[in-house]
Amino acid sequence: MRLNLFWKLGFAFFALLIAVLLPVDFYAERALRRDYESAGFEQLSAIARIALANPPQTSSLATAPSAPVDRVALRDWVAKMAASTVVSR
């Protein structure tokens, strides 16, 4: 079976399209992943700075707080950390 010029040009165009789109897709996926990772790490560092600036006021953090005052203080600190969420993109 002989292919005419139309089909030959069509196959060549399709091959060039695939040859260009695959690397572009690979590059775009890597760039998006890098952007999402950096945004996530920026959010984590912002939350860590807030947490370090306002540490919980409890007597002992090594074990589970047993005194009701420690539980209330830890619950208030967790509520404060939850209220200071970083806006996601």
PDB file of N, CA and C in Angstrom:
ATOM      1  N   MET A   1       0.850  -1.186   0.000  1.00  0.00           N
ATOM      2  CA  MET A   1       0.000   0.000   0.000  1.00  0.00           C
ATOM      3  C   MET A   1       0.886   1.236   0.000  1.00  0.00           C
ATOM      4  N   ARG A   2       0.647   2.116  -0.948  1.00  0.00           N
ATOM      5  CA  ARG A   2       1.416   3.355  -1.056  1.00  0.00           C
ATOM      6  C   ARG A   2       0.710   4.464  -0.299  1.00  0.00           C
ATOM      7  N   LEU A   3       1.505   5.232   0.429  1.00  0.00           N
ATOM      8  CA  LEU A   3       0.956   6.391   1.128  1.00  0.00           C
ATOM      9  C   LEU A   3       1.145   7.612   0.257  1.00  0.00           C
ATOM     10  N   ASN A   4       0.117   8.397   0.143  1.00  0.00           N
ATOM     11  CA  ASN A   4       0.261   9.612  -0.645  1.00  0.00           C
ATOM     12  C   ASN A   4       0.878  10.717   0.209  1.00  0.00           C
ATOM     13  N   LEU A   5       1.143  11.823  -0.386  1.00  0.00           N
ATOM     14  CA  LEU A   5       1.836  12.931   0.274  1.00  0.00           C
ATOM     15  C   LEU A   5       1.064  13.448   1.483  1.00  0.00           C
ATOM     16  N   PHE A   6      -0.254  13.461   1.426  1.00  0.00           N
ATOM     17  CA  PHE A   6      -1.072  13.946   2.534  1.00  0.00           C
ATOM     18  C   PHE A   6      -0.807  13.123   3.795  1.00  0.00           C
ATOM     19  N   TRP A   7      -0.814  11.806   3.682  1.00  0.00           N
ATOM     20  CA  TRP A   7      -0.615  10.949   4.851  1.00  0.00           C
ATOM     21  C   TRP A   7       0.824  11.035   5.355  1.00  0.00           C
ATOM     22  N   LYS A   8       1.774  11.171   4.441  1.00  0.00           N
ATOM     23  CA  LYS A   8       3.175  11.300   4.865  1.00  0.00           C
ATOM     24  C   LYS A   8       3.383  12.588   5.669  1.00  0.00           C
ATOM     25  N   LEU A   9       2.805  13.675   5.180  1.00  0.00           N
ATOM     26  CA  LEU A   9       2.915  14.940   5.916  1.00  0.00           C
ATOM     27  C   LEU A   9       2.154  14.874   7.241  1.00  0.00           C
ATOM     28  N   GLY A  10       1.035  14.206   7.253  1.00  0.00           N
ATOM     29  CA  GLY A  10       0.264  14.053   8.478  1.00  0.00           C
ATOM     30  C   GLY A  10       1.040  13.272   9.535  1.00  0.00           C
ATOM     31  N   PHE A  11       1.667  12.185   9.127  1.00  0.00           N
ATOM     32  CA  PHE A  11       2.474  11.405  10.075  1.00  0.00           C
ATOM     33  C   PHE A  11       3.692  12.182  10.553  1.00  0.00           C
ATOM     34  N   ALA A  12       4.308  12.934   9.665  1.00  0.00           N
ATOM     35  CA  ALA A  12       5.469  13.733  10.055  1.00  0.00           C
ATOM     36  C   ALA A  12       5.055  14.817  11.053  1.00  0.00           C
ATOM     37  N   PHE A  13       3.936  15.467  10.787  1.00  0.00           N
ATOM     38  CA  PHE A  13       3.442  16.488  11.704  1.00  0.00           C
ATOM     39  C   PHE A  13       3.122  15.878  13.065  1.00  0.00           C
ATOM     40  N   PHE A  14       2.471  14.717  13.070  1.00  0.00           N
ATOM     41  CA  PHE A  14       2.128  14.050  14.321  1.00  0.00           C
ATOM     42  C   PHE A  14       3.385  13.658  15.102  1.00  0.00           C
ATOM     43  N   ALA A  15       4.394  13.165  14.410  1.00  0.00           N
ATOM     44  CA  ALA A  15       5.648  12.788  15.074  1.00  0.00           C
ATOM     45  C   ALA A  15       6.339  14.015  15.667  1.00  0.00           C
ATOM     46  N   LEU A  16       6.359  15.128  14.935  1.00  0.00           N
ATOM     47  CA  LEU A  16       6.950  16.355  15.464  1.00  0.00           C
ATOM     48  C   LEU A  16       6.159  16.886  16.657  1.00  0.00           C
ATOM     49  N   LEU A  17       4.851  16.790  16.586  1.00  0.00           N
ATOM     50  CA  LEU A  17       4.013  17.243  17.691  1.00  0.00           C
ATOM     51  C   LEU A  17       4.296  16.439  18.953  1.00  0.00           C
ATOM     52  N   ILE A  18       4.380  15.135  18.824  1.00  0.00           N
ATOM     53  CA  ILE A  18       4.691  14.281  19.980  1.00  0.00           C
ATOM     54  C   ILE A  18       6.096  14.581  20.490  1.00  0.00           C
ATOM     55  N   ALA A  19       7.041  14.782  19.580  1.00  0.00           N
ATOM     56  CA  ALA A  19       8.429  15.054  19.975  1.00  0.00           C
ATOM     57  C   ALA A  19       8.548  16.375  20.732  1.00  0.00           C
ATOM     58  N   VAL A  20       7.657  17.308  20.498  1.00  0.00           N
ATOM     59  CA  VAL A  20       7.701  18.599  21.201  1.00  0.00           C
ATOM     60  C   VAL A  20       6.865  18.557  22.479  1.00  0.00           C
ATOM     61  N   LEU A  21       5.698  17.949  22.427  1.00  0.00           N
ATOM     62  CA  LEU A  21       4.800  17.977  23.573  1.00  0.00           C
ATOM     63  C   LEU A  21       5.293  17.138  24.755  1.00  0.00           C
ATOM     64  N   LEU A  22       5.952  16.045  24.519  1.00  0.00           N
ATOM     65  CA  LEU A  22       6.436  15.223  25.626  1.00  0.00           C
ATOM     66  C   LEU A  22       7.476  15.950  26.484  1.00  0.00           C
ATOM     67  N   PRO A  23       8.504  16.570  25.916  1.00  0.00           N
ATOM     68  CA  PRO A  23       9.441  17.309  26.773  1.00  0.00           C
ATOM     69  C   PRO A  23       8.805  18.514  27.459  1.00  0.00           C
ATOM     70  N   VAL A  24       7.894  19.197  26.780  1.00  0.00           N
ATOM     71  CA  VAL A  24       7.224  20.348  27.386  1.00  0.00           C
ATOM     72  C   VAL A  24       6.376  19.894  28.572  1.00  0.00           C
ATOM     73  N   ASP A  25       5.678  18.777  28.422  1.00  0.00           N
ATOM     74  CA  ASP A  25       4.882  18.243  29.515  1.00  0.00           C
ATOM     75  C   ASP A  25       5.775  17.846  30.686  1.00  0.00           C
ATOM     76  N   PHE A  26       6.887  17.210  30.413  1.00  0.00           N
ATOM     77  CA  PHE A  26       7.822  16.806  31.458  1.00  0.00           C
ATOM     78  C   PHE A  26       8.363  18.021  32.201  1.00  0.00           C
ATOM     79  N   TYR A  27       8.755  19.054  31.466  1.00  0.00           N
ATOM     80  CA  TYR A  27       9.290  20.266  32.085  1.00  0.00           C
ATOM     81  C   TYR A  27       8.223  20.982  32.917  1.00  0.00           C
ATOM     82  N   ALA A  28       7.013  21.088  32.387  1.00  0.00           N
ATOM     83  CA  ALA A  28       5.942  21.788  33.102  1.00  0.00           C
ATOM     84  C   ALA A  28       5.577  21.044  34.389  1.00  0.00           C
ATOM     85  N   GLU A  29       5.561  19.723  34.325  1.00  0.00           N
ATOM     86  CA  GLU A  29       5.230  18.948  35.525  1.00  0.00           C
ATOM     87  C   GLU A  29       6.296  19.141  36.594  1.00  0.00           C
ATOM     88  N   ARG A  30       7.556  19.156  36.206  1.00  0.00           N
ATOM     89  CA  ARG A  30       8.633  19.369  37.174  1.00  0.00           C
ATOM     90  C   ARG A  30       8.571  20.775  37.760  1.00  0.00           C
ATOM     91  N   ALA A  31       8.278  21.766  36.934  1.00  0.00           N
ATOM     92  CA  ALA A  31       8.194  23.144  37.424  1.00  0.00           C
ATOM     93  C   ALA A  31       7.033  23.309  38.398  1.00  0.00           C
ATOM     94  N   LEU A  32       5.891  22.719  38.081  1.00  0.00           N
ATOM     95  CA  LEU A  32       4.741  22.799  38.988  1.00  0.00           C
ATOM     96  C   LEU A  32       5.030  22.091  40.300  1.00  0.00           C
ATOM     97  N   ARG A  33       5.657  20.928  40.246  1.00  0.00           N
ATOM     98  CA  ARG A  33       5.973  20.205  41.471  1.00  0.00           C
ATOM     99  C   ARG A  33       6.936  21.011  42.336  1.00  0.00           C
ATOM    100  N   ARG A  34       7.936  21.621  41.716  1.00  0.00           N
ATOM    101  CA  ARG A  34       8.897  22.444  42.455  1.00  0.00           C
ATOM    102  C   ARG A  34       8.190  23.633  43.106  1.00  0.00           C
ATOM    103  N   ASP A  35       7.255  24.240  42.381  1.00  0.00           N
ATOM    104  CA  ASP A  35       6.513  25.377  42.926  1.00  0.00           C
ATOM    105  C   ASP A  35       5.639  24.958  44.104  1.00  0.00           C
ATOM    106  N   TYR A  36       4.949  23.816  43.980  1.00  0.00           N
ATOM    107  CA  TYR A  36       4.109  23.338  45.076  1.00  0.00           C
ATOM    108  C   TYR A  36       4.943  22.985  46.300  1.00  0.00           C
ATOM    109  N   GLU A  37       6.108  22.370  46.072  1.00  0.00           N
ATOM    110  CA  GLU A  37       6.971  22.026  47.211  1.00  0.00           C
ATOM    111  C   GLU A  37       7.472  23.276  47.917  1.00  0.00           C
ATOM    112  N   SER A  38       7.904  24.257  47.153  1.00  0.00           N
ATOM    113  CA  SER A  38       8.411  25.476  47.794  1.00  0.00           C
ATOM    114  C   SER A  38       7.297  26.221  48.528  1.00  0.00           C
ATOM    115  N   ALA A  39       6.092  26.228  47.975  1.00  0.00           N
ATOM    116  CA  ALA A  39       4.974  26.874  48.660  1.00  0.00           C
ATOM    117  C   ALA A  39       4.634  26.132  49.957  1.00  0.00           C
ATOM    118  N   GLY A  40       4.685  24.815  49.918  1.00  0.00           N
ATOM    119  CA  GLY A  40       4.420  24.039  51.125  1.00  0.00           C
ATOM    120  C   GLY A  40       5.462  24.273  52.201  1.00  0.00           C
ATOM    121  N   PHE A  41       6.742  24.321  51.796  1.00  0.00           N
ATOM    122  CA  PHE A  41       7.795  24.573  52.773  1.00  0.00           C
ATOM    123  C   PHE A  41       7.722  25.994  53.322  1.00  0.00           C
ATOM    124  N   GLU A  42       7.314  26.946  52.505  1.00  0.00           N
ATOM    125  CA  GLU A  42       7.135  28.317  52.994  1.00  0.00           C
ATOM    126  C   GLU A  42       6.024  28.368  54.038  1.00  0.00           C
ATOM    127  N   GLN A  43       4.932  27.658  53.794  1.00  0.00           N
ATOM    128  CA  GLN A  43       3.836  27.625  54.761  1.00  0.00           C
ATOM    129  C   GLN A  43       4.274  26.955  56.060  1.00  0.00           C
ATOM    130  N   LEU A  44       5.013  25.853  55.944  1.00  0.00           N
ATOM    131  CA  LEU A  44       5.493  25.177  57.151  1.00  0.00           C
ATOM    132  C   LEU A  44       6.444  26.054  57.943  1.00  0.00           C
ATOM    133  N   SER A  45       7.311  26.787  57.262  1.00  0.00           N
ATOM    134  CA  SER A  45       8.227  27.657  57.996  1.00  0.00           C
ATOM    135  C   SER A  45       7.484  28.820  58.647  1.00  0.00           C
ATOM    136  N   ALA A  46       6.441  29.326  58.000  1.00  0.00           N
ATOM    137  CA  ALA A  46       5.651  30.394  58.616  1.00  0.00           C
ATOM    138  C   ALA A  46       4.939  29.891  59.865  1.00  0.00           C
ATOM    139  N   ILE A  47       4.379  28.702  59.798  1.00  0.00           N
ATOM    140  CA  ILE A  47       3.718  28.133  60.972  1.00  0.00           C
ATOM    141  C   ILE A  47       4.733  27.855  62.073  1.00  0.00           C
ATOM    142  N   ALA A  48       5.926  27.396  61.696  1.00  0.00           N
ATOM    143  CA  ALA A  48       6.964  27.133  62.700  1.00  0.00           C
ATOM    144  C   ALA A  48       7.412  28.423  63.381  1.00  0.00           C
ATOM    145  N   ARG A  49       7.524  29.509  62.606  1.00  0.00           N
ATOM    146  CA  ARG A  49       7.891  30.790  63.220  1.00  0.00           C
ATOM    147  C   ARG A  49       6.827  31.260  64.198  1.00  0.00           C
ATOM    148  N   ILE A  50       5.567  31.081  63.860  1.00  0.00           N
ATOM    149  CA  ILE A  50       4.484  31.459  64.766  1.00  0.00           C
ATOM    150  C   ILE A  50       4.522  30.591  66.017  1.00  0.00           C
ATOM    151  N   ALA A  51       4.753  29.289  65.843  1.00  0.00           N
ATOM    152  CA  ALA A  51       4.786  28.382  66.993  1.00  0.00           C
ATOM    153  C   ALA A  51       5.974  28.688  67.898  1.00  0.00           C
ATOM    154  N   LEU A  52       7.127  29.035  67.319  1.00  0.00           N
ATOM    155  CA  LEU A  52       8.292  29.357  68.145  1.00  0.00           C
ATOM    156  C   LEU A  52       8.143  30.706  68.842  1.00  0.00           C
ATOM    157  N   ALA A  53       7.412  31.613  68.233  1.00  0.00           N
ATOM    158  CA  ALA A  53       7.225  32.923  68.851  1.00  0.00           C
ATOM    159  C   ALA A  53       6.275  32.843  70.042  1.00  0.00           C
ATOM    160  N   ASN A  54       5.352  31.898  70.013  1.00  0.00           N
ATOM    161  CA  ASN A  54       4.364  31.745  71.092  1.00  0.00           C
ATOM    162  C   ASN A  54       4.358  30.310  71.592  1.00  0.00           C
ATOM    163  N   PRO A  55       5.362  29.888  72.357  1.00  0.00           N
ATOM    164  CA  PRO A  55       5.362  28.495  72.834  1.00  0.00           C
ATOM    165  C   PRO A  55       4.263  28.284  73.878  1.00  0.00           C
ATOM    166  N   PRO A  56       3.818  27.050  74.035  1.00  0.00           N
ATOM    167  CA  PRO A  56       2.762  26.793  75.023  1.00  0.00           C
ATOM    168  C   PRO A  56       3.280  27.027  76.435  1.00  0.00           C
ATOM    169  N   GLN A  57       2.418  27.531  77.285  1.00  0.00           N
ATOM    170  CA  GLN A  57       2.782  27.843  78.668  1.00  0.00           C
ATOM    171  C   GLN A  57       2.376  26.694  79.578  1.00  0.00           C
ATOM    172  N   THR A  58       3.101  25.595  79.480  1.00  0.00           N
ATOM    173  CA  THR A  58       2.828  24.454  80.350  1.00  0.00           C
ATOM    174  C   THR A  58       4.079  24.116  81.131  1.00  0.00           C
ATOM    175  N   SER A  59       3.908  23.377  82.190  1.00  0.00           N
ATOM    176  CA  SER A  59       5.055  23.035  83.032  1.00  0.00           C
ATOM    177  C   SER A  59       5.876  21.911  82.434  1.00  0.00           C
ATOM    178  N   SER A  60       5.247  20.984  81.720  1.00  0.00           N
ATOM    179  CA  SER A  60       5.969  19.847  81.172  1.00  0.00           C
ATOM    180  C   SER A  60       5.368  19.464  79.824  1.00  0.00           C
ATOM    181  N   LEU A  61       6.192  19.485  78.801  1.00  0.00           N
ATOM    182  CA  LEU A  61       5.732  19.075  77.476  1.00  0.00           C
ATOM    183  C   LEU A  61       6.253  17.694  77.109  1.00  0.00           C
ATOM    184  N   ALA A  62       7.148  17.126  77.918  1.00  0.00           N
ATOM    185  CA  ALA A  62       7.718  15.826  77.605  1.00  0.00           C
ATOM    186  C   ALA A  62       6.698  14.706  77.753  1.00  0.00           C
ATOM    187  N   THR A  63       5.773  14.861  78.668  1.00  0.00           N
ATOM    188  CA  THR A  63       4.745  13.846  78.879  1.00  0.00           C
ATOM    189  C   THR A  63       3.381  14.472  78.622  1.00  0.00           C
ATOM    190  N   ALA A  64       2.385  13.644  78.645  1.00  0.00           N
ATOM    191  CA  ALA A  64       1.022  14.155  78.465  1.00  0.00           C
ATOM    192  C   ALA A  64       0.664  15.019  79.676  1.00  0.00           C
ATOM    193  N   PRO A  65       0.083  16.177  79.435  1.00  0.00           N
ATOM    194  CA  PRO A  65      -0.254  17.053  80.566  1.00  0.00           C
ATOM    195  C   PRO A  65      -1.299  16.408  81.455  1.00  0.00           C
ATOM    196  N   SER A  66      -0.974  16.356  82.743  1.00  0.00           N
ATOM    197  CA  SER A  66      -1.896  15.708  83.679  1.00  0.00           C
ATOM    198  C   SER A  66      -2.749  16.716  84.436  1.00  0.00           C
ATOM    199  N   ALA A  67      -2.201  17.896  84.668  1.00  0.00           N
ATOM    200  CA  ALA A  67      -2.960  18.909  85.403  1.00  0.00           C
ATOM    201  C   ALA A  67      -3.975  19.560  84.474  1.00  0.00           C
ATOM    202  N   PRO A  68      -5.141  19.871  84.968  1.00  0.00           N
ATOM    203  CA  PRO A  68      -6.151  20.529  84.123  1.00  0.00           C
ATOM    204  C   PRO A  68      -5.667  21.871  83.582  1.00  0.00           C
ATOM    205  N   VAL A  69      -4.845  22.566  84.361  1.00  0.00           N
ATOM    206  CA  VAL A  69      -4.338  23.858  83.893  1.00  0.00           C
ATOM    207  C   VAL A  69      -3.440  23.654  82.678  1.00  0.00           C
ATOM    208  N   ASP A  70      -2.595  22.602  82.711  1.00  0.00           N
ATOM    209  CA  ASP A  70      -1.730  22.312  81.571  1.00  0.00           C
ATOM    210  C   ASP A  70      -2.542  21.925  80.343  1.00  0.00           C
ATOM    211  N   ARG A  71      -3.588  21.165  80.544  1.00  0.00           N
ATOM    212  CA  ARG A  71      -4.430  20.769  79.411  1.00  0.00           C
ATOM    213  C   ARG A  71      -5.104  21.979  78.781  1.00  0.00           C
ATOM    214  N   VAL A  72      -5.586  22.869  79.608  1.00  0.00           N
ATOM    215  CA  VAL A  72      -6.241  24.077  79.099  1.00  0.00           C
ATOM    216  C   VAL A  72      -5.235  24.942  78.348  1.00  0.00           C
ATOM    217  N   ALA A  73      -4.033  25.089  78.914  1.00  0.00           N
ATOM    218  CA  ALA A  73      -3.009  25.905  78.258  1.00  0.00           C
ATOM    219  C   ALA A  73      -2.602  25.290  76.926  1.00  0.00           C
ATOM    220  N   LEU A  74      -2.429  23.980  76.899  1.00  0.00           N
ATOM    221  CA  LEU A  74      -2.063  23.311  75.652  1.00  0.00           C
ATOM    222  C   LEU A  74      -3.185  23.397  74.629  1.00  0.00           C
ATOM    223  N   ARG A  75      -4.430  23.264  75.078  1.00  0.00           N
ATOM    224  CA  ARG A  75      -5.576  23.380  74.169  1.00  0.00           C
ATOM    225  C   ARG A  75      -5.680  24.795  73.610  1.00  0.00           C
ATOM    226  N   ASP A  76      -5.422  25.808  74.446  1.00  0.00           N
ATOM    227  CA  ASP A  76      -5.447  27.194  73.969  1.00  0.00           C
ATOM    228  C   ASP A  76      -4.343  27.438  72.943  1.00  0.00           C
ATOM    229  N   TRP A  77      -3.166  26.859  73.194  1.00  0.00           N
ATOM    230  CA  TRP A  77      -2.049  27.031  72.252  1.00  0.00           C
ATOM    231  C   TRP A  77      -2.364  26.368  70.917  1.00  0.00           C
ATOM    232  N   VAL A  78      -2.941  25.166  70.961  1.00  0.00           N
ATOM    233  CA  VAL A  78      -3.322  24.479  69.726  1.00  0.00           C
ATOM    234  C   VAL A  78      -4.395  25.275  68.994  1.00  0.00           C
ATOM    235  N   ALA A  79      -5.335  25.845  69.715  1.00  0.00           N
ATOM    236  CA  ALA A  79      -6.376  26.668  69.079  1.00  0.00           C
ATOM    237  C   ALA A  79      -5.770  27.907  68.437  1.00  0.00           C
ATOM    238  N   LYS A  80      -4.774  28.493  69.109  1.00  0.00           N
ATOM    239  CA  LYS A  80      -4.111  29.663  68.539  1.00  0.00           C
ATOM    240  C   LYS A  80      -3.353  29.296  67.262  1.00  0.00           C
ATOM    241  N   MET A  81      -2.697  28.133  67.256  1.00  0.00           N
ATOM    242  CA  MET A  81      -1.981  27.683  66.057  1.00  0.00           C
ATOM    243  C   MET A  81      -2.961  27.382  64.928  1.00  0.00           C
ATOM    244  N   ALA A  82      -4.106  26.821  65.267  1.00  0.00           N
ATOM    245  CA  ALA A  82      -5.108  26.526  64.239  1.00  0.00           C
ATOM    246  C   ALA A  82      -5.710  27.812  63.677  1.00  0.00           C
ATOM    247  N   ALA A  83      -5.832  28.837  64.521  1.00  0.00           N
ATOM    248  CA  ALA A  83      -6.408  30.105  64.056  1.00  0.00           C
ATOM    249  C   ALA A  83      -5.436  30.873  63.185  1.00  0.00           C
ATOM    250  N   SER A  84      -4.160  30.602  63.311  1.00  0.00           N
ATOM    251  CA  SER A  84      -3.165  31.352  62.528  1.00  0.00           C
ATOM    252  C   SER A  84      -2.724  30.567  61.310  1.00  0.00           C
ATOM    253  N   THR A  85      -3.698  30.044  60.578  1.00  0.00           N
ATOM    254  CA  THR A  85      -3.362  29.237  59.400  1.00  0.00           C
ATOM    255  C   THR A  85      -2.777  30.113  58.302  1.00  0.00           C
ATOM    256  N   VAL A  86      -1.939  29.494  57.527  1.00  0.00           N
ATOM    257  CA  VAL A  86      -1.344  30.173  56.382  1.00  0.00           C
ATOM    258  C   VAL A  86      -2.266  29.931  55.201  1.00  0.00           C
ATOM    259  N   VAL A  87      -2.526  30.971  54.455  1.00  0.00           N
ATOM    260  CA  VAL A  87      -3.433  30.862  53.305  1.00  0.00           C
ATOM    261  C   VAL A  87      -2.749  30.045  52.219  1.00  0.00           C
ATOM    262  N   SER A  88      -3.423  28.998  51.770  1.00  0.00           N
ATOM    263  CA  SER A  88      -2.840  28.165  50.717  1.00  0.00           C
ATOM    264  C   SER A  88      -3.183  28.767  49.359  1.00  0.00           C
ATOM    265  N   ARG A  89      -2.329  28.476  48.410  1.00  0.00           N
ATOM    266  CA  ARG A  89      -2.526  29.007  47.054  1.00  0.00           C
ATOM    267  C   ARG A  89      -3.470  28.167  46.273  1.00  0.00           C
TER     268      ARG A  89
END
